[in-house]
């Protein structure tokens, strides 16, 4: 089988002393994508007290 053009370029860069890109695959550098939350306006819309969010029956 022949080598792909991308693989040839990668091997040439490795011979020249560049860093191997295979070592960086799957590395998030400490970032956890599950815990990262995009900011929105929900904190302003919803009341801060959890008791106010549910329907209250007349006492």
C-alpha atoms as a PDB file:
ATOM      1  CA  UNK A   1       0.000   0.000   0.000  1.00  0.00           C
ATOM      2  CA  UNK A   2       1.134   3.533  -0.653  1.00  0.00           C
ATOM      3  CA  UNK A   3       1.473   6.256   1.924  1.00  0.00           C
ATOM      4  CA  UNK A   4      -0.970   9.140   1.912  1.00  0.00           C
ATOM      5  CA  UNK A   5       0.248  12.656   1.233  1.00  0.00           C
ATOM      6  CA  UNK A   6      -0.625  13.711   4.784  1.00  0.00           C
ATOM      7  CA  UNK A   7       1.406  10.849   6.238  1.00  0.00           C
ATOM      8  CA  UNK A   8       4.389  11.708   4.047  1.00  0.00           C
ATOM      9  CA  UNK A   9       4.259  15.326   5.212  1.00  0.00           C
ATOM     10  CA  UNK A  10       3.969  14.254   8.856  1.00  0.00           C
ATOM     11  CA  UNK A  11       6.960  11.913   8.585  1.00  0.00           C
ATOM     12  CA  UNK A  12       9.019  14.620   6.893  1.00  0.00           C
ATOM     13  CA  UNK A  13       8.267  17.059   9.701  1.00  0.00           C
ATOM     14  CA  UNK A  14       9.222  14.402  12.254  1.00  0.00           C
ATOM     15  CA  UNK A  15      12.562  13.933  10.510  1.00  0.00           C
ATOM     16  CA  UNK A  16      13.134  17.686  10.663  1.00  0.00           C
ATOM     17  CA  UNK A  17      12.573  17.684  14.435  1.00  0.00           C
ATOM     18  CA  UNK A  18       8.968  18.844  14.692  1.00  0.00           C
ATOM     19  CA  UNK A  19       6.613  17.520  17.379  1.00  0.00           C
ATOM     20  CA  UNK A  20       4.601  14.381  16.638  1.00  0.00           C
ATOM     21  CA  UNK A  21       0.885  15.315  16.236  1.00  0.00           C
ATOM     22  CA  UNK A  22      -0.143  11.800  17.285  1.00  0.00           C
ATOM     23  CA  UNK A  23       0.923  12.654  20.845  1.00  0.00           C
ATOM     24  CA  UNK A  24      -1.554  15.536  20.990  1.00  0.00           C
ATOM     25  CA  UNK A  25      -4.619  13.607  19.826  1.00  0.00           C
ATOM     26  CA  UNK A  26      -7.327  13.230  22.457  1.00  0.00           C
ATOM     27  CA  UNK A  27      -5.688  15.778  24.750  1.00  0.00           C
ATOM     28  CA  UNK A  28      -8.002  18.506  26.059  1.00  0.00           C
ATOM     29  CA  UNK A  29      -5.231  20.233  28.063  1.00  0.00           C
ATOM     30  CA  UNK A  30      -7.216  20.135  31.313  1.00  0.00           C
ATOM     31  CA  UNK A  31     -10.508  21.370  29.791  1.00  0.00           C
ATOM     32  CA  UNK A  32     -13.542  19.296  30.715  1.00  0.00           C
ATOM     33  CA  UNK A  33     -16.160  19.880  27.990  1.00  0.00           C
ATOM     34  CA  UNK A  34     -18.971  18.472  30.134  1.00  0.00           C
ATOM     35  CA  UNK A  35     -18.533  21.012  32.919  1.00  0.00           C
ATOM     36  CA  UNK A  36     -18.061  24.019  30.647  1.00  0.00           C
ATOM     37  CA  UNK A  37     -21.309  26.024  30.520  1.00  0.00           C
ATOM     38  CA  UNK A  38     -22.135  28.787  28.089  1.00  0.00           C
ATOM     39  CA  UNK A  39     -23.318  31.937  29.888  1.00  0.00           C
ATOM     40  CA  UNK A  40     -26.953  32.934  29.394  1.00  0.00           C
ATOM     41  CA  UNK A  41     -29.656  35.057  30.996  1.00  0.00           C
ATOM     42  CA  UNK A  42     -31.300  32.296  33.058  1.00  0.00           C
ATOM     43  CA  UNK A  43     -29.750  33.519  36.295  1.00  0.00           C
ATOM     44  CA  UNK A  44     -31.550  36.843  35.827  1.00  0.00           C
ATOM     45  CA  UNK A  45     -34.916  35.402  34.711  1.00  0.00           C
ATOM     46  CA  UNK A  46     -35.409  32.753  37.399  1.00  0.00           C
ATOM     47  CA  UNK A  47     -35.804  33.790  41.040  1.00  0.00           C
ATOM     48  CA  UNK A  48     -32.943  32.935  43.355  1.00  0.00           C
ATOM     49  CA  UNK A  49     -35.089  31.055  45.863  1.00  0.00           C
ATOM     50  CA  UNK A  50     -36.048  27.515  44.806  1.00  0.00           C
ATOM     51  CA  UNK A  51     -39.357  27.733  46.717  1.00  0.00           C
ATOM     52  CA  UNK A  52     -40.602  30.498  44.410  1.00  0.00           C
ATOM     53  CA  UNK A  53     -40.160  28.361  41.266  1.00  0.00           C
ATOM     54  CA  UNK A  54     -42.908  25.846  42.069  1.00  0.00           C
ATOM     55  CA  UNK A  55     -46.646  26.428  42.194  1.00  0.00           C
ATOM     56  CA  UNK A  56     -47.766  27.297  45.725  1.00  0.00           C
ATOM     57  CA  UNK A  57     -51.215  26.254  46.904  1.00  0.00           C
ATOM     58  CA  UNK A  58     -53.351  28.689  48.847  1.00  0.00           C
ATOM     59  CA  UNK A  59     -52.780  28.355  52.600  1.00  0.00           C
END
